[in-house]
C-alpha atoms as a PDB file:
ATOM      1  CA  UNK A   1     174.773 -50.645 273.534  1.00  0.00           C
ATOM      2  CA  UNK A   2     175.784 -53.053 276.716  1.00  0.00           C
ATOM      3  CA  UNK A   3     177.240 -52.457 279.846  1.00  0.00           C
ATOM      4  CA  UNK A   4     179.772 -54.276 281.496  1.00  0.00           C
ATOM      5  CA  UNK A   5     180.804 -53.647 285.235  1.00  0.00           C
ATOM      6  CA  UNK A   6     183.979 -55.495 285.116  1.00  0.00           C
ATOM      7  CA  UNK A   7     185.345 -52.953 282.212  1.00  0.00           C
ATOM      8  CA  UNK A   8     186.916 -49.331 282.676  1.00  0.00           C
ATOM      9  CA  UNK A   9     183.762 -47.149 281.876  1.00  0.00           C
ATOM     10  CA  UNK A  10     183.932 -45.233 278.759  1.00  0.00           C
ATOM     11  CA  UNK A  11     181.456 -43.272 276.818  1.00  0.00           C
ATOM     12  CA  UNK A  12     180.554 -46.697 274.809  1.00  0.00           C
ATOM     13  CA  UNK A  13     180.494 -49.057 277.945  1.00  0.00           C
ATOM     14  CA  UNK A  14     177.772 -47.396 280.755  1.00  0.00           C
ATOM     15  CA  UNK A  15     178.427 -49.083 283.724  1.00  0.00           C
ATOM     16  CA  UNK A  16     178.552 -46.310 286.803  1.00  0.00           C
ATOM     17  CA  UNK A  17     177.015 -43.974 288.926  1.00  0.00           C
ATOM     18  CA  UNK A  18     174.756 -41.292 287.453  1.00  0.00           C
ATOM     19  CA  UNK A  19     178.060 -38.336 287.461  1.00  0.00           C
ATOM     20  CA  UNK A  20     179.991 -40.544 285.698  1.00  0.00           C
ATOM     21  CA  UNK A  21     177.563 -41.776 282.824  1.00  0.00           C
ATOM     22  CA  UNK A  22     176.735 -37.582 282.625  1.00  0.00           C
ATOM     23  CA  UNK A  23     180.144 -37.463 281.888  1.00  0.00           C
ATOM     24  CA  UNK A  24     180.535 -40.438 279.327  1.00  0.00           C
ATOM     25  CA  UNK A  25     177.063 -38.433 277.615  1.00  0.00           C
ATOM     26  CA  UNK A  26     178.893 -35.523 277.068  1.00  0.00           C
ATOM     27  CA  UNK A  27     181.474 -37.111 275.324  1.00  0.00           C
ATOM     28  CA  UNK A  28     178.976 -38.593 272.977  1.00  0.00           C
ATOM     29  CA  UNK A  29     178.068 -34.719 272.758  1.00  0.00           C
ATOM     30  CA  UNK A  30     181.218 -33.310 271.515  1.00  0.00           C
ATOM     31  CA  UNK A  31     183.498 -32.827 274.577  1.00  0.00           C
ATOM     32  CA  UNK A  32     186.876 -34.050 275.593  1.00  0.00           C
ATOM     33  CA  UNK A  33     187.805 -34.481 279.061  1.00  0.00           C
ATOM     34  CA  UNK A  34     189.542 -31.628 281.328  1.00  0.00           C
ATOM     35  CA  UNK A  35     191.677 -33.779 283.516  1.00  0.00           C
ATOM     36  CA  UNK A  36     195.180 -34.480 283.511  1.00  0.00           C
ATOM     37  CA  UNK A  37     195.279 -38.089 282.466  1.00  0.00           C
ATOM     38  CA  UNK A  38     198.689 -38.742 283.770  1.00  0.00           C
ATOM     39  CA  UNK A  39     197.664 -37.968 287.524  1.00  0.00           C
ATOM     40  CA  UNK A  40     194.402 -39.728 287.236  1.00  0.00           C
ATOM     41  CA  UNK A  41     194.968 -42.967 285.374  1.00  0.00           C
ATOM     42  CA  UNK A  42     199.205 -43.804 286.436  1.00  0.00           C
ATOM     43  CA  UNK A  43     198.027 -46.109 288.656  1.00  0.00           C
ATOM     44  CA  UNK A  44     194.696 -47.571 287.405  1.00  0.00           C
ATOM     45  CA  UNK A  45     194.488 -50.895 287.738  1.00  0.00           C
ATOM     46  CA  UNK A  46     191.448 -51.152 285.820  1.00  0.00           C
ATOM     47  CA  UNK A  47     192.629 -49.508 282.518  1.00  0.00           C
ATOM     48  CA  UNK A  48     195.139 -52.024 280.526  1.00  0.00           C
ATOM     49  CA  UNK A  49     198.586 -50.334 280.422  1.00  0.00           C
ATOM     50  CA  UNK A  50     198.139 -50.029 276.363  1.00  0.00           C
ATOM     51  CA  UNK A  51     195.469 -47.703 276.978  1.00  0.00           C
ATOM     52  CA  UNK A  52     197.272 -45.948 279.756  1.00  0.00           C
ATOM     53  CA  UNK A  53     200.384 -45.296 277.704  1.00  0.00           C
ATOM     54  CA  UNK A  54     198.370 -43.979 274.791  1.00  0.00           C
ATOM     55  CA  UNK A  55     196.325 -41.567 277.269  1.00  0.00           C
ATOM     56  CA  UNK A  56     199.856 -40.126 278.707  1.00  0.00           C
ATOM     57  CA  UNK A  57     201.464 -39.732 275.084  1.00  0.00           C
ATOM     58  CA  UNK A  58     197.854 -37.458 274.491  1.00  0.00           C
ATOM     59  CA  UNK A  59     198.354 -35.493 278.106  1.00  0.00           C
ATOM     60  CA  UNK A  60     201.975 -34.597 276.911  1.00  0.00           C
ATOM     61  CA  UNK A  61     200.658 -32.268 274.144  1.00  0.00           C
ATOM     62  CA  UNK A  62     197.363 -30.897 276.093  1.00  0.00           C
ATOM     63  CA  UNK A  63     197.792 -27.406 277.264  1.00  0.00           C
ATOM     64  CA  UNK A  64     196.750 -26.949 281.109  1.00  0.00           C
ATOM     65  CA  UNK A  65     193.646 -26.165 281.586  1.00  0.00           C
ATOM     66  CA  UNK A  66     193.038 -24.122 284.987  1.00  0.00           C
ATOM     67  CA  UNK A  67     189.060 -24.034 284.672  1.00  0.00           C
ATOM     68  CA  UNK A  68     188.552 -27.780 284.368  1.00  0.00           C
ATOM     69  CA  UNK A  69     188.491 -28.792 287.714  1.00  0.00           C
ATOM     70  CA  UNK A  70     185.086 -26.963 287.898  1.00  0.00           C
ATOM     71  CA  UNK A  71     183.967 -28.853 284.994  1.00  0.00           C
ATOM     72  CA  UNK A  72     181.641 -31.918 284.955  1.00  0.00           C
ATOM     73  CA  UNK A  73     184.511 -32.661 282.269  1.00  0.00           C
ATOM     74  CA  UNK A  74     186.851 -33.160 285.250  1.00  0.00           C
ATOM     75  CA  UNK A  75     187.788 -36.576 286.283  1.00  0.00           C
ATOM     76  CA  UNK A  76     185.494 -35.956 289.617  1.00  0.00           C
ATOM     77  CA  UNK A  77     182.647 -36.068 287.901  1.00  0.00           C
ATOM     78  CA  UNK A  78     181.156 -33.128 290.527  1.00  0.00           C
ATOM     79  CA  UNK A  79     181.697 -29.836 288.216  1.00  0.00           C
ATOM     80  CA  UNK A  80     179.007 -28.596 286.307  1.00  0.00           C
ATOM     81  CA  UNK A  81     179.005 -27.818 282.489  1.00  0.00           C
ATOM     82  CA  UNK A  82     181.051 -24.454 281.868  1.00  0.00           C
ATOM     83  CA  UNK A  83     180.031 -21.902 279.559  1.00  0.00           C
ATOM     84  CA  UNK A  84     182.827 -22.994 277.434  1.00  0.00           C
ATOM     85  CA  UNK A  85     181.394 -26.875 277.990  1.00  0.00           C
ATOM     86  CA  UNK A  86     177.686 -25.783 276.974  1.00  0.00           C
ATOM     87  CA  UNK A  87     179.253 -24.033 274.344  1.00  0.00           C
ATOM     88  CA  UNK A  88     181.312 -26.641 272.762  1.00  0.00           C
ATOM     89  CA  UNK A  89     178.176 -29.327 273.118  1.00  0.00           C
ATOM     90  CA  UNK A  90     176.279 -26.327 271.016  1.00  0.00           C
ATOM     91  CA  UNK A  91     179.248 -26.863 268.667  1.00  0.00           C
ATOM     92  CA  UNK A  92     179.824 -23.099 268.914  1.00  0.00           C
ATOM     93  CA  UNK A  93     183.373 -21.953 270.588  1.00  0.00           C
ATOM     94  CA  UNK A  94     183.009 -18.541 269.391  1.00  0.00           C
ATOM     95  CA  UNK A  95     183.581 -15.771 271.920  1.00  0.00           C
ATOM     96  CA  UNK A  96     180.095 -14.403 271.933  1.00  0.00           C
ATOM     97  CA  UNK A  97     178.763 -17.741 272.465  1.00  0.00           C
ATOM     98  CA  UNK A  98     180.686 -18.272 276.010  1.00  0.00           C
ATOM     99  CA  UNK A  99     180.551 -14.917 276.786  1.00  0.00           C
ATOM    100  CA  UNK A 100     176.775 -15.085 276.963  1.00  0.00           C
ATOM    101  CA  UNK A 101     177.203 -17.633 279.028  1.00  0.00           C
ATOM    102  CA  UNK A 102     179.789 -16.871 281.377  1.00  0.00           C
ATOM    103  CA  UNK A 103     176.925 -15.755 284.244  1.00  0.00           C
ATOM    104  CA  UNK A 104     176.594 -19.523 284.313  1.00  0.00           C
ATOM    105  CA  UNK A 105     179.556 -20.194 285.445  1.00  0.00           C
ATOM    106  CA  UNK A 106     180.301 -20.312 288.881  1.00  0.00           C
ATOM    107  CA  UNK A 107     181.282 -17.355 290.570  1.00  0.00           C
ATOM    108  CA  UNK A 108     185.864 -17.352 291.593  1.00  0.00           C
ATOM    109  CA  UNK A 109     187.158 -19.322 288.238  1.00  0.00           C
ATOM    110  CA  UNK A 110     189.656 -17.908 286.367  1.00  0.00           C
ATOM    111  CA  UNK A 111     188.969 -16.309 283.231  1.00  0.00           C
ATOM    112  CA  UNK A 112     188.433 -18.323 280.121  1.00  0.00           C
ATOM    113  CA  UNK A 113     191.275 -18.479 278.014  1.00  0.00           C
ATOM    114  CA  UNK A 114     190.267 -18.350 274.617  1.00  0.00           C
ATOM    115  CA  UNK A 115     193.258 -20.004 273.312  1.00  0.00           C
ATOM    116  CA  UNK A 116     193.446 -22.687 275.168  1.00  0.00           C
ATOM    117  CA  UNK A 117     190.446 -24.616 273.966  1.00  0.00           C
END
């Protein structure tokens, strides 16, 4: 895998800081982004317009994610792996898996909505 710092960082272009690379690694492990593509990329001059339009179409179909801001999979890359993120990496999104890890979640987060993910 080659890194090109002049292109947008993605799971196949590892050219950025540690937090961003951790975020991209977790894409390779099966996690999706947990941020609003439109808000994050509307004026992103580093991303081709065709790619932004593709992401905007995906965003229109995504449900709200009231816990996403606290996840490493948010666009700020400053969160943590939430219980549902850990279970996603384990490929077990069951209630039992999430409930067994919910004490790892930061205090004060909204409850995990089973149907949202």
